[in-house]
């Protein structure tokens, strides 16, 4: 996961809180393609290329936000990660990526 200097990878301007344990801005880790979809892929989904670093608000929005907003976020994630994912054997098109995740 690229920590991105402890800034939200979805919106670098988002503020978060400082974590007691690390004394750094708190960020979360998110699998771009959820692990429970492993059966759709021959290669492991638990790889660096499949991780993004969102703030807590963006992380929740990816999971629970309005469908159209989630789709836009997934397109953005895809653009940031598709080349790295392909190098890890996770080859998938942008629409297929978004549709697979939104189908849940």
PDB file of N, CA and C in Angstrom:
ATOM      1  N   UNK A   1       0.857  -1.182   0.000  1.00  0.00           N
ATOM      2  CA  UNK A   1       0.000   0.000   0.000  1.00  0.00           C
ATOM      3  C   UNK A   1       0.895   1.234   0.000  1.00  0.00           C
ATOM      4  N   UNK A   2       0.615   2.116  -0.890  1.00  0.00           N
ATOM      5  CA  UNK A   2       1.337   3.375  -0.911  1.00  0.00           C
ATOM      6  C   UNK A   2       0.732   4.275   0.159  1.00  0.00           C
ATOM      7  N   UNK A   3       1.503   4.629   1.148  1.00  0.00           N
ATOM      8  CA  UNK A   3       0.975   5.446   2.236  1.00  0.00           C
ATOM      9  C   UNK A   3       0.695   6.861   1.749  1.00  0.00           C
ATOM     10  N   UNK A   4       1.272   7.276   0.665  1.00  0.00           N
ATOM     11  CA  UNK A   4       1.005   8.577   0.059  1.00  0.00           C
ATOM     12  C   UNK A   4       1.225   9.684   1.090  1.00  0.00           C
ATOM     13  N   UNK A   5       2.322   9.585   1.814  1.00  0.00           N
ATOM     14  CA  UNK A   5       2.664  10.580   2.833  1.00  0.00           C
ATOM     15  C   UNK A   5       1.517  10.847   3.803  1.00  0.00           C
ATOM     16  N   UNK A   6       0.761   9.804   4.118  1.00  0.00           N
ATOM     17  CA  UNK A   6      -0.355   9.894   5.061  1.00  0.00           C
ATOM     18  C   UNK A   6      -1.428  10.866   4.606  1.00  0.00           C
ATOM     19  N   UNK A   7      -1.675  10.894   3.297  1.00  0.00           N
ATOM     20  CA  UNK A   7      -2.766  11.666   2.721  1.00  0.00           C
ATOM     21  C   UNK A   7      -3.714  10.702   2.026  1.00  0.00           C
ATOM     22  N   UNK A   8      -4.973  11.024   2.032  1.00  0.00           N
ATOM     23  CA  UNK A   8      -5.984  10.197   1.383  1.00  0.00           C
ATOM     24  C   UNK A   8      -5.666  10.057  -0.100  1.00  0.00           C
ATOM     25  N   UNK A   9      -5.611   8.831  -0.572  1.00  0.00           N
ATOM     26  CA  UNK A   9      -5.305   8.591  -1.979  1.00  0.00           C
ATOM     27  C   UNK A   9      -6.481   8.963  -2.894  1.00  0.00           C
ATOM     28  N   UNK A  10      -7.673   9.054  -2.340  1.00  0.00           N
ATOM     29  CA  UNK A  10      -8.834   9.443  -3.133  1.00  0.00           C
ATOM     30  C   UNK A  10      -8.969  10.968  -3.208  1.00  0.00           C
ATOM     31  N   UNK A  11      -8.602  11.654  -2.138  1.00  0.00           N
ATOM     32  CA  UNK A  11      -8.662  13.122  -2.102  1.00  0.00           C
ATOM     33  C   UNK A  11      -7.601  13.597  -1.114  1.00  0.00           C
ATOM     34  N   UNK A  12      -6.458  14.003  -1.632  1.00  0.00           N
ATOM     35  CA  UNK A  12      -5.325  14.402  -0.803  1.00  0.00           C
ATOM     36  C   UNK A  12      -5.603  15.555   0.142  1.00  0.00           C
ATOM     37  N   UNK A  13      -6.699  16.272  -0.056  1.00  0.00           N
ATOM     38  CA  UNK A  13      -7.049  17.382   0.817  1.00  0.00           C
ATOM     39  C   UNK A  13      -7.858  16.975   2.036  1.00  0.00           C
ATOM     40  N   UNK A  14      -8.293  15.732   2.091  1.00  0.00           N
ATOM     41  CA  UNK A  14      -9.101  15.297   3.234  1.00  0.00           C
ATOM     42  C   UNK A  14      -8.270  15.262   4.512  1.00  0.00           C
ATOM     43  N   UNK A  15      -8.856  15.777   5.564  1.00  0.00           N
ATOM     44  CA  UNK A  15      -8.225  15.770   6.882  1.00  0.00           C
ATOM     45  C   UNK A  15      -8.673  14.528   7.641  1.00  0.00           C
ATOM     46  N   UNK A  16      -7.809  14.020   8.470  1.00  0.00           N
ATOM     47  CA  UNK A  16      -8.144  12.897   9.334  1.00  0.00           C
ATOM     48  C   UNK A  16      -7.563  13.201  10.705  1.00  0.00           C
ATOM     49  N   UNK A  17      -7.648  12.276  11.600  1.00  0.00           N
ATOM     50  CA  UNK A  17      -7.117  12.484  12.943  1.00  0.00           C
ATOM     51  C   UNK A  17      -5.737  11.849  13.071  1.00  0.00           C
ATOM     52  N   UNK A  18      -5.014  12.224  14.121  1.00  0.00           N
ATOM     53  CA  UNK A  18      -3.700  11.644  14.399  1.00  0.00           C
ATOM     54  C   UNK A  18      -3.914  10.418  15.283  1.00  0.00           C
ATOM     55  N   UNK A  19      -3.367   9.300  14.860  1.00  0.00           N
ATOM     56  CA  UNK A  19      -3.508   8.043  15.606  1.00  0.00           C
ATOM     57  C   UNK A  19      -2.559   8.030  16.805  1.00  0.00           C
ATOM     58  N   UNK A  20      -3.076   7.633  17.936  1.00  0.00           N
ATOM     59  CA  UNK A  20      -2.282   7.568  19.169  1.00  0.00           C
ATOM     60  C   UNK A  20      -1.060   6.668  18.996  1.00  0.00           C
ATOM     61  N   UNK A  21      -1.247   5.497  18.406  1.00  0.00           N
ATOM     62  CA  UNK A  21      -0.172   4.507  18.299  1.00  0.00           C
ATOM     63  C   UNK A  21       0.994   4.988  17.430  1.00  0.00           C
ATOM     64  N   UNK A  22       0.700   5.644  16.313  1.00  0.00           N
ATOM     65  CA  UNK A  22       1.752   6.031  15.370  1.00  0.00           C
ATOM     66  C   UNK A  22       2.105   7.510  15.420  1.00  0.00           C
ATOM     67  N   UNK A  23       1.203   8.323  15.964  1.00  0.00           N
ATOM     68  CA  UNK A  23       1.348   9.778  15.951  1.00  0.00           C
ATOM     69  C   UNK A  23       1.458  10.325  14.529  1.00  0.00           C
ATOM     70  N   UNK A  24       0.761   9.636  13.607  1.00  0.00           N
ATOM     71  CA  UNK A  24       0.693  10.051  12.205  1.00  0.00           C
ATOM     72  C   UNK A  24      -0.787  10.112  11.818  1.00  0.00           C
ATOM     73  N   UNK A  25      -1.104  10.860  10.758  1.00  0.00           N
ATOM     74  CA  UNK A  25      -2.499  10.893  10.315  1.00  0.00           C
ATOM     75  C   UNK A  25      -3.003   9.476  10.029  1.00  0.00           C
ATOM     76  N   UNK A  26      -4.203   9.196  10.503  1.00  0.00           N
ATOM     77  CA  UNK A  26      -4.788   7.868  10.360  1.00  0.00           C
ATOM     78  C   UNK A  26      -5.309   7.664   8.940  1.00  0.00           C
ATOM     79  N   UNK A  27      -4.886   6.597   8.322  1.00  0.00           N
ATOM     80  CA  UNK A  27      -5.366   6.175   7.004  1.00  0.00           C
ATOM     81  C   UNK A  27      -5.780   4.719   7.104  1.00  0.00           C
ATOM     82  N   UNK A  28      -6.575   4.285   6.166  1.00  0.00           N
ATOM     83  CA  UNK A  28      -7.004   2.893   6.146  1.00  0.00           C
ATOM     84  C   UNK A  28      -6.512   2.225   4.872  1.00  0.00           C
ATOM     85  N   UNK A  29      -6.577   0.920   4.857  1.00  0.00           N
ATOM     86  CA  UNK A  29      -6.183   0.131   3.699  1.00  0.00           C
ATOM     87  C   UNK A  29      -7.443  -0.470   3.081  1.00  0.00           C
ATOM     88  N   UNK A  30      -7.515  -0.460   1.767  1.00  0.00           N
ATOM     89  CA  UNK A  30      -8.693  -0.979   1.072  1.00  0.00           C
ATOM     90  C   UNK A  30      -8.251  -1.811  -0.126  1.00  0.00           C
ATOM     91  N   UNK A  31      -8.776  -3.034  -0.230  1.00  0.00           N
ATOM     92  CA  UNK A  31      -8.522  -3.847  -1.419  1.00  0.00           C
ATOM     93  C   UNK A  31      -9.401  -3.322  -2.550  1.00  0.00           C
ATOM     94  N   UNK A  32      -8.788  -2.897  -3.641  1.00  0.00           N
ATOM     95  CA  UNK A  32      -9.545  -2.391  -4.784  1.00  0.00           C
ATOM     96  C   UNK A  32     -10.528  -3.459  -5.267  1.00  0.00           C
ATOM     97  N   UNK A  33     -10.044  -4.674  -5.455  1.00  0.00           N
ATOM     98  CA  UNK A  33     -10.908  -5.817  -5.735  1.00  0.00           C
ATOM     99  C   UNK A  33     -11.022  -6.582  -4.424  1.00  0.00           C
ATOM    100  N   UNK A  34     -12.216  -6.637  -3.843  1.00  0.00           N
ATOM    101  CA  UNK A  34     -12.373  -7.286  -2.534  1.00  0.00           C
ATOM    102  C   UNK A  34     -11.908  -8.738  -2.518  1.00  0.00           C
ATOM    103  N   UNK A  35     -11.306  -9.124  -1.416  1.00  0.00           N
ATOM    104  CA  UNK A  35     -10.757 -10.472  -1.251  1.00  0.00           C
ATOM    105  C   UNK A  35     -11.818 -11.550  -1.475  1.00  0.00           C
ATOM    106  N   UNK A  36     -13.061 -11.296  -1.100  1.00  0.00           N
ATOM    107  CA  UNK A  36     -14.083 -12.334  -1.266  1.00  0.00           C
ATOM    108  C   UNK A  36     -14.391 -12.625  -2.745  1.00  0.00           C
ATOM    109  N   UNK A  37     -13.837 -11.833  -3.658  1.00  0.00           N
ATOM    110  CA  UNK A  37     -13.995 -12.091  -5.092  1.00  0.00           C
ATOM    111  C   UNK A  37     -12.827 -12.887  -5.660  1.00  0.00           C
ATOM    112  N   UNK A  38     -11.989 -13.449  -4.803  1.00  0.00           N
ATOM    113  CA  UNK A  38     -10.809 -14.204  -5.227  1.00  0.00           C
ATOM    114  C   UNK A  38     -11.160 -15.282  -6.252  1.00  0.00           C
ATOM    115  N   UNK A  39     -12.307 -15.921  -6.121  1.00  0.00           N
ATOM    116  CA  UNK A  39     -12.700 -16.993  -7.036  1.00  0.00           C
ATOM    117  C   UNK A  39     -12.792 -16.571  -8.492  1.00  0.00           C
ATOM    118  N   UNK A  40     -12.861 -15.273  -8.763  1.00  0.00           N
ATOM    119  CA  UNK A  40     -12.930 -14.764 -10.135  1.00  0.00           C
ATOM    120  C   UNK A  40     -11.542 -14.601 -10.757  1.00  0.00           C
ATOM    121  N   UNK A  41     -10.483 -14.817  -9.963  1.00  0.00           N
ATOM    122  CA  UNK A  41      -9.123 -14.546 -10.427  1.00  0.00           C
ATOM    123  C   UNK A  41      -8.186 -15.720 -10.157  1.00  0.00           C
ATOM    124  N   UNK A  42      -7.238 -15.912 -11.050  1.00  0.00           N
ATOM    125  CA  UNK A  42      -6.231 -16.973 -10.899  1.00  0.00           C
ATOM    126  C   UNK A  42      -5.088 -16.532  -9.993  1.00  0.00           C
ATOM    127  N   UNK A  43      -4.862 -15.227  -9.898  1.00  0.00           N
ATOM    128  CA  UNK A  43      -3.769 -14.691  -9.100  1.00  0.00           C
ATOM    129  C   UNK A  43      -4.321 -14.076  -7.811  1.00  0.00           C
ATOM    130  N   UNK A  44      -3.480 -14.018  -6.803  1.00  0.00           N
ATOM    131  CA  UNK A  44      -3.894 -13.519  -5.489  1.00  0.00           C
ATOM    132  C   UNK A  44      -4.349 -12.061  -5.547  1.00  0.00           C
ATOM    133  N   UNK A  45      -5.426 -11.781  -4.841  1.00  0.00           N
ATOM    134  CA  UNK A  45      -5.890 -10.405  -4.697  1.00  0.00           C
ATOM    135  C   UNK A  45      -5.202  -9.699  -3.535  1.00  0.00           C
ATOM    136  N   UNK A  46      -4.519 -10.447  -2.710  1.00  0.00           N
ATOM    137  CA  UNK A  46      -3.869  -9.867  -1.534  1.00  0.00           C
ATOM    138  C   UNK A  46      -2.448  -9.439  -1.882  1.00  0.00           C
ATOM    139  N   UNK A  47      -2.361  -8.473  -2.802  1.00  0.00           N
ATOM    140  CA  UNK A  47      -1.075  -7.956  -3.275  1.00  0.00           C
ATOM    141  C   UNK A  47      -1.080  -6.432  -3.202  1.00  0.00           C
ATOM    142  N   UNK A  48       0.102  -5.873  -3.124  1.00  0.00           N
ATOM    143  CA  UNK A  48       0.292  -4.420  -3.045  1.00  0.00           C
ATOM    144  C   UNK A  48      -0.469  -3.680  -4.140  1.00  0.00           C
ATOM    145  N   UNK A  49      -0.440  -4.193  -5.360  1.00  0.00           N
ATOM    146  CA  UNK A  49      -1.082  -3.523  -6.496  1.00  0.00           C
ATOM    147  C   UNK A  49      -2.588  -3.388  -6.321  1.00  0.00           C
ATOM    148  N   UNK A  50      -3.174  -4.219  -5.469  1.00  0.00           N
ATOM    149  CA  UNK A  50      -4.619  -4.215  -5.267  1.00  0.00           C
ATOM    150  C   UNK A  50      -5.023  -3.430  -4.020  1.00  0.00           C
ATOM    151  N   UNK A  51      -4.118  -2.656  -3.458  1.00  0.00           N
ATOM    152  CA  UNK A  51      -4.411  -1.885  -2.256  1.00  0.00           C
ATOM    153  C   UNK A  51      -4.381  -0.388  -2.540  1.00  0.00           C
ATOM    154  N   UNK A  52      -5.293   0.321  -1.901  1.00  0.00           N
ATOM    155  CA  UNK A  52      -5.257   1.779  -1.933  1.00  0.00           C
ATOM    156  C   UNK A  52      -5.289   2.275  -0.488  1.00  0.00           C
ATOM    157  N   UNK A  53      -4.968   3.542  -0.306  1.00  0.00           N
ATOM    158  CA  UNK A  53      -4.875   4.149   1.020  1.00  0.00           C
ATOM    159  C   UNK A  53      -5.859   5.311   1.123  1.00  0.00           C
ATOM    160  N   UNK A  54      -7.118   5.039   1.514  1.00  0.00           N
ATOM    161  CA  UNK A  54      -8.090   6.125   1.672  1.00  0.00           C
ATOM    162  C   UNK A  54      -8.190   6.599   3.124  1.00  0.00           C
ATOM    163  N   UNK A  55      -8.725   7.797   3.303  1.00  0.00           N
ATOM    164  CA  UNK A  55      -9.064   8.254   4.648  1.00  0.00           C
ATOM    165  C   UNK A  55     -10.305   7.472   5.095  1.00  0.00           C
ATOM    166  N   UNK A  56     -10.655   7.512   6.380  1.00  0.00           N
ATOM    167  CA  UNK A  56     -11.831   6.767   6.848  1.00  0.00           C
ATOM    168  C   UNK A  56     -13.132   7.148   6.132  1.00  0.00           C
ATOM    169  N   UNK A  57     -13.308   8.433   5.804  1.00  0.00           N
ATOM    170  CA  UNK A  57     -14.544   8.859   5.138  1.00  0.00           C
ATOM    171  C   UNK A  57     -14.615   8.273   3.723  1.00  0.00           C
ATOM    172  N   UNK A  58     -13.550   8.400   2.968  1.00  0.00           N
ATOM    173  CA  UNK A  58     -13.548   7.847   1.604  1.00  0.00           C
ATOM    174  C   UNK A  58     -13.684   6.323   1.632  1.00  0.00           C
ATOM    175  N   UNK A  59     -13.064   5.687   2.616  1.00  0.00           N
ATOM    176  CA  UNK A  59     -13.170   4.235   2.716  1.00  0.00           C
ATOM    177  C   UNK A  59     -14.628   3.818   2.916  1.00  0.00           C
ATOM    178  N   UNK A  60     -15.336   4.504   3.770  1.00  0.00           N
ATOM    179  CA  UNK A  60     -16.753   4.181   3.997  1.00  0.00           C
ATOM    180  C   UNK A  60     -17.595   4.512   2.760  1.00  0.00           C
ATOM    181  N   UNK A  61     -17.242   5.599   2.091  1.00  0.00           N
ATOM    182  CA  UNK A  61     -17.980   5.993   0.888  1.00  0.00           C
ATOM    183  C   UNK A  61     -17.834   4.931  -0.211  1.00  0.00           C
ATOM    184  N   UNK A  62     -16.639   4.360  -0.345  1.00  0.00           N
ATOM    185  CA  UNK A  62     -16.419   3.295  -1.331  1.00  0.00           C
ATOM    186  C   UNK A  62     -17.375   2.127  -1.059  1.00  0.00           C
ATOM    187  N   UNK A  63     -17.597   1.829   0.214  1.00  0.00           N
ATOM    188  CA  UNK A  63     -18.449   0.695   0.582  1.00  0.00           C
ATOM    189  C   UNK A  63     -19.935   1.047   0.642  1.00  0.00           C
ATOM    190  N   UNK A  64     -20.267   2.230   1.135  1.00  0.00           N
ATOM    191  CA  UNK A  64     -21.658   2.530   1.480  1.00  0.00           C
ATOM    192  C   UNK A  64     -22.248   3.771   0.811  1.00  0.00           C
ATOM    193  N   UNK A  65     -21.479   4.447  -0.015  1.00  0.00           N
ATOM    194  CA  UNK A  65     -21.965   5.669  -0.652  1.00  0.00           C
ATOM    195  C   UNK A  65     -22.999   5.398  -1.730  1.00  0.00           C
ATOM    196  N   UNK A  66     -23.505   6.460  -2.304  1.00  0.00           N
ATOM    197  CA  UNK A  66     -24.461   6.347  -3.405  1.00  0.00           C
ATOM    198  C   UNK A  66     -23.803   5.604  -4.567  1.00  0.00           C
ATOM    199  N   UNK A  67     -24.573   4.764  -5.219  1.00  0.00           N
ATOM    200  CA  UNK A  67     -24.041   3.891  -6.269  1.00  0.00           C
ATOM    201  C   UNK A  67     -23.269   4.670  -7.348  1.00  0.00           C
ATOM    202  N   UNK A  68     -23.818   5.775  -7.840  1.00  0.00           N
ATOM    203  CA  UNK A  68     -23.135   6.542  -8.885  1.00  0.00           C
ATOM    204  C   UNK A  68     -21.813   7.128  -8.388  1.00  0.00           C
ATOM    205  N   UNK A  69     -21.787   7.581  -7.143  1.00  0.00           N
ATOM    206  CA  UNK A  69     -20.546   8.115  -6.565  1.00  0.00           C
ATOM    207  C   UNK A  69     -19.528   7.001  -6.353  1.00  0.00           C
ATOM    208  N   UNK A  70     -20.002   5.846  -5.943  1.00  0.00           N
ATOM    209  CA  UNK A  70     -19.103   4.689  -5.789  1.00  0.00           C
ATOM    210  C   UNK A  70     -18.501   4.307  -7.138  1.00  0.00           C
ATOM    211  N   UNK A  71     -19.330   4.304  -8.179  1.00  0.00           N
ATOM    212  CA  UNK A  71     -18.831   3.957  -9.524  1.00  0.00           C
ATOM    213  C   UNK A  71     -17.732   4.938  -9.944  1.00  0.00           C
ATOM    214  N   UNK A  72     -17.931   6.227  -9.719  1.00  0.00           N
ATOM    215  CA  UNK A  72     -16.904   7.220 -10.061  1.00  0.00           C
ATOM    216  C   UNK A  72     -15.612   6.964  -9.275  1.00  0.00           C
ATOM    217  N   UNK A  73     -15.749   6.612  -8.002  1.00  0.00           N
ATOM    218  CA  UNK A  73     -14.569   6.300  -7.192  1.00  0.00           C
ATOM    219  C   UNK A  73     -13.864   5.059  -7.733  1.00  0.00           C
ATOM    220  N   UNK A  74     -14.636   4.064  -8.136  1.00  0.00           N
ATOM    221  CA  UNK A  74     -14.050   2.839  -8.691  1.00  0.00           C
ATOM    222  C   UNK A  74     -13.326   3.122  -9.999  1.00  0.00           C
ATOM    223  N   UNK A  75     -13.877   3.999 -10.830  1.00  0.00           N
ATOM    224  CA  UNK A  75     -13.179   4.384 -12.056  1.00  0.00           C
ATOM    225  C   UNK A  75     -11.845   5.048 -11.721  1.00  0.00           C
ATOM    226  N   UNK A  76     -11.852   5.897 -10.717  1.00  0.00           N
ATOM    227  CA  UNK A  76     -10.613   6.576 -10.307  1.00  0.00           C
ATOM    228  C   UNK A  76      -9.591   5.571  -9.778  1.00  0.00           C
ATOM    229  N   UNK A  77     -10.050   4.651  -8.954  1.00  0.00           N
ATOM    230  CA  UNK A  77      -9.164   3.602  -8.434  1.00  0.00           C
ATOM    231  C   UNK A  77      -8.603   2.788  -9.592  1.00  0.00           C
ATOM    232  N   UNK A  78      -9.463   2.424 -10.530  1.00  0.00           N
ATOM    233  CA  UNK A  78      -9.020   1.640 -11.681  1.00  0.00           C
ATOM    234  C   UNK A  78      -7.918   2.378 -12.444  1.00  0.00           C
ATOM    235  N   UNK A  79      -8.129   3.660 -12.702  1.00  0.00           N
ATOM    236  CA  UNK A  79      -7.125   4.429 -13.445  1.00  0.00           C
ATOM    237  C   UNK A  79      -5.789   4.466 -12.708  1.00  0.00           C
ATOM    238  N   UNK A  80      -5.832   4.529 -11.391  1.00  0.00           N
ATOM    239  CA  UNK A  80      -4.608   4.582 -10.596  1.00  0.00           C
ATOM    240  C   UNK A  80      -3.907   3.231 -10.508  1.00  0.00           C
ATOM    241  N   UNK A  81      -4.664   2.139 -10.594  1.00  0.00           N
ATOM    242  CA  UNK A  81      -4.114   0.828 -10.279  1.00  0.00           C
ATOM    243  C   UNK A  81      -4.085  -0.199 -11.408  1.00  0.00           C
ATOM    244  N   UNK A  82      -4.785   0.019 -12.512  1.00  0.00           N
ATOM    245  CA  UNK A  82      -4.934  -1.068 -13.476  1.00  0.00           C
ATOM    246  C   UNK A  82      -3.614  -1.584 -14.055  1.00  0.00           C
ATOM    247  N   UNK A  83      -2.640  -0.709 -14.271  1.00  0.00           N
ATOM    248  CA  UNK A  83      -1.365  -1.178 -14.807  1.00  0.00           C
ATOM    249  C   UNK A  83      -0.622  -2.038 -13.790  1.00  0.00           C
ATOM    250  N   UNK A  84      -0.590  -1.595 -12.540  1.00  0.00           N
ATOM    251  CA  UNK A  84       0.064  -2.382 -11.483  1.00  0.00           C
ATOM    252  C   UNK A  84      -0.661  -3.699 -11.264  1.00  0.00           C
ATOM    253  N   UNK A  85      -1.996  -3.655 -11.298  1.00  0.00           N
ATOM    254  CA  UNK A  85      -2.767  -4.888 -11.114  1.00  0.00           C
ATOM    255  C   UNK A  85      -2.475  -5.862 -12.256  1.00  0.00           C
ATOM    256  N   UNK A  86      -2.391  -5.360 -13.485  1.00  0.00           N
ATOM    257  CA  UNK A  86      -2.102  -6.221 -14.633  1.00  0.00           C
ATOM    258  C   UNK A  86      -0.740  -6.890 -14.478  1.00  0.00           C
ATOM    259  N   UNK A  87       0.256  -6.159 -13.955  1.00  0.00           N
ATOM    260  CA  UNK A  87       1.578  -6.746 -13.720  1.00  0.00           C
ATOM    261  C   UNK A  87       1.542  -7.832 -12.652  1.00  0.00           C
ATOM    262  N   UNK A  88       0.494  -7.812 -11.822  1.00  0.00           N
ATOM    263  CA  UNK A  88       0.328  -8.846 -10.789  1.00  0.00           C
ATOM    264  C   UNK A  88      -0.627  -9.945 -11.253  1.00  0.00           C
ATOM    265  N   UNK A  89      -0.976  -9.930 -12.536  1.00  0.00           N
ATOM    266  CA  UNK A  89      -1.849 -10.959 -13.097  1.00  0.00           C
ATOM    267  C   UNK A  89      -3.327 -10.645 -12.972  1.00  0.00           C
ATOM    268  N   UNK A  90      -3.664  -9.486 -12.450  1.00  0.00           N
ATOM    269  CA  UNK A  90      -5.065  -9.099 -12.246  1.00  0.00           C
ATOM    270  C   UNK A  90      -5.523  -8.227 -13.407  1.00  0.00           C
ATOM    271  N   UNK A  91      -5.753  -8.855 -14.539  1.00  0.00           N
ATOM    272  CA  UNK A  91      -6.152  -8.111 -15.733  1.00  0.00           C
ATOM    273  C   UNK A  91      -7.673  -8.067 -15.802  1.00  0.00           C
ATOM    274  N   UNK A  92      -8.201  -6.853 -15.871  1.00  0.00           N
ATOM    275  CA  UNK A  92      -9.639  -6.642 -15.892  1.00  0.00           C
ATOM    276  C   UNK A  92      -9.894  -5.271 -16.518  1.00  0.00           C
ATOM    277  N   UNK A  93     -10.965  -5.154 -17.276  1.00  0.00           N
ATOM    278  CA  UNK A  93     -11.337  -3.874 -17.880  1.00  0.00           C
ATOM    279  C   UNK A  93     -12.024  -2.968 -16.870  1.00  0.00           C
ATOM    280  N   UNK A  94     -12.083  -1.684 -17.182  1.00  0.00           N
ATOM    281  CA  UNK A  94     -12.637  -0.695 -16.251  1.00  0.00           C
ATOM    282  C   UNK A  94     -14.105  -0.959 -15.926  1.00  0.00           C
ATOM    283  N   UNK A  95     -14.933  -1.194 -16.922  1.00  0.00           N
ATOM    284  CA  UNK A  95     -16.361  -1.448 -16.673  1.00  0.00           C
ATOM    285  C   UNK A  95     -16.549  -2.768 -15.927  1.00  0.00           C
ATOM    286  N   UNK A  96     -15.809  -3.785 -16.320  1.00  0.00           N
ATOM    287  CA  UNK A  96     -15.908  -5.085 -15.636  1.00  0.00           C
ATOM    288  C   UNK A  96     -15.501  -4.943 -14.170  1.00  0.00           C
ATOM    289  N   UNK A  97     -14.450  -4.177 -13.909  1.00  0.00           N
ATOM    290  CA  UNK A  97     -13.981  -3.915 -12.554  1.00  0.00           C
ATOM    291  C   UNK A  97     -15.090  -3.272 -11.721  1.00  0.00           C
ATOM    292  N   UNK A  98     -15.666  -2.189 -12.226  1.00  0.00           N
ATOM    293  CA  UNK A  98     -16.712  -1.479 -11.490  1.00  0.00           C
ATOM    294  C   UNK A  98     -17.962  -2.353 -11.314  1.00  0.00           C
ATOM    295  N   UNK A  99     -18.370  -3.019 -12.397  1.00  0.00           N
ATOM    296  CA  UNK A  99     -19.581  -3.845 -12.335  1.00  0.00           C
ATOM    297  C   UNK A  99     -19.426  -5.014 -11.355  1.00  0.00           C
ATOM    298  N   UNK A 100     -18.264  -5.632 -11.345  1.00  0.00           N
ATOM    299  CA  UNK A 100     -18.012  -6.764 -10.440  1.00  0.00           C
ATOM    300  C   UNK A 100     -18.149  -6.337  -8.989  1.00  0.00           C
ATOM    301  N   UNK A 101     -17.609  -5.189  -8.673  1.00  0.00           N
ATOM    302  CA  UNK A 101     -17.628  -4.702  -7.288  1.00  0.00           C
ATOM    303  C   UNK A 101     -19.023  -4.179  -6.913  1.00  0.00           C
ATOM    304  N   UNK A 102     -19.670  -3.491  -7.813  1.00  0.00           N
ATOM    305  CA  UNK A 102     -20.996  -2.932  -7.521  1.00  0.00           C
ATOM    306  C   UNK A 102     -22.096  -3.988  -7.503  1.00  0.00           C
ATOM    307  N   UNK A 103     -21.814  -5.150  -8.055  1.00  0.00           N
ATOM    308  CA  UNK A 103     -22.791  -6.245  -8.095  1.00  0.00           C
ATOM    309  C   UNK A 103     -23.079  -6.798  -6.699  1.00  0.00           C
ATOM    310  N   UNK A 104     -22.172  -6.580  -5.762  1.00  0.00           N
ATOM    311  CA  UNK A 104     -22.298  -7.147  -4.418  1.00  0.00           C
ATOM    312  C   UNK A 104     -23.575  -6.712  -3.751  1.00  0.00           C
TER     313      UNK A 104
END
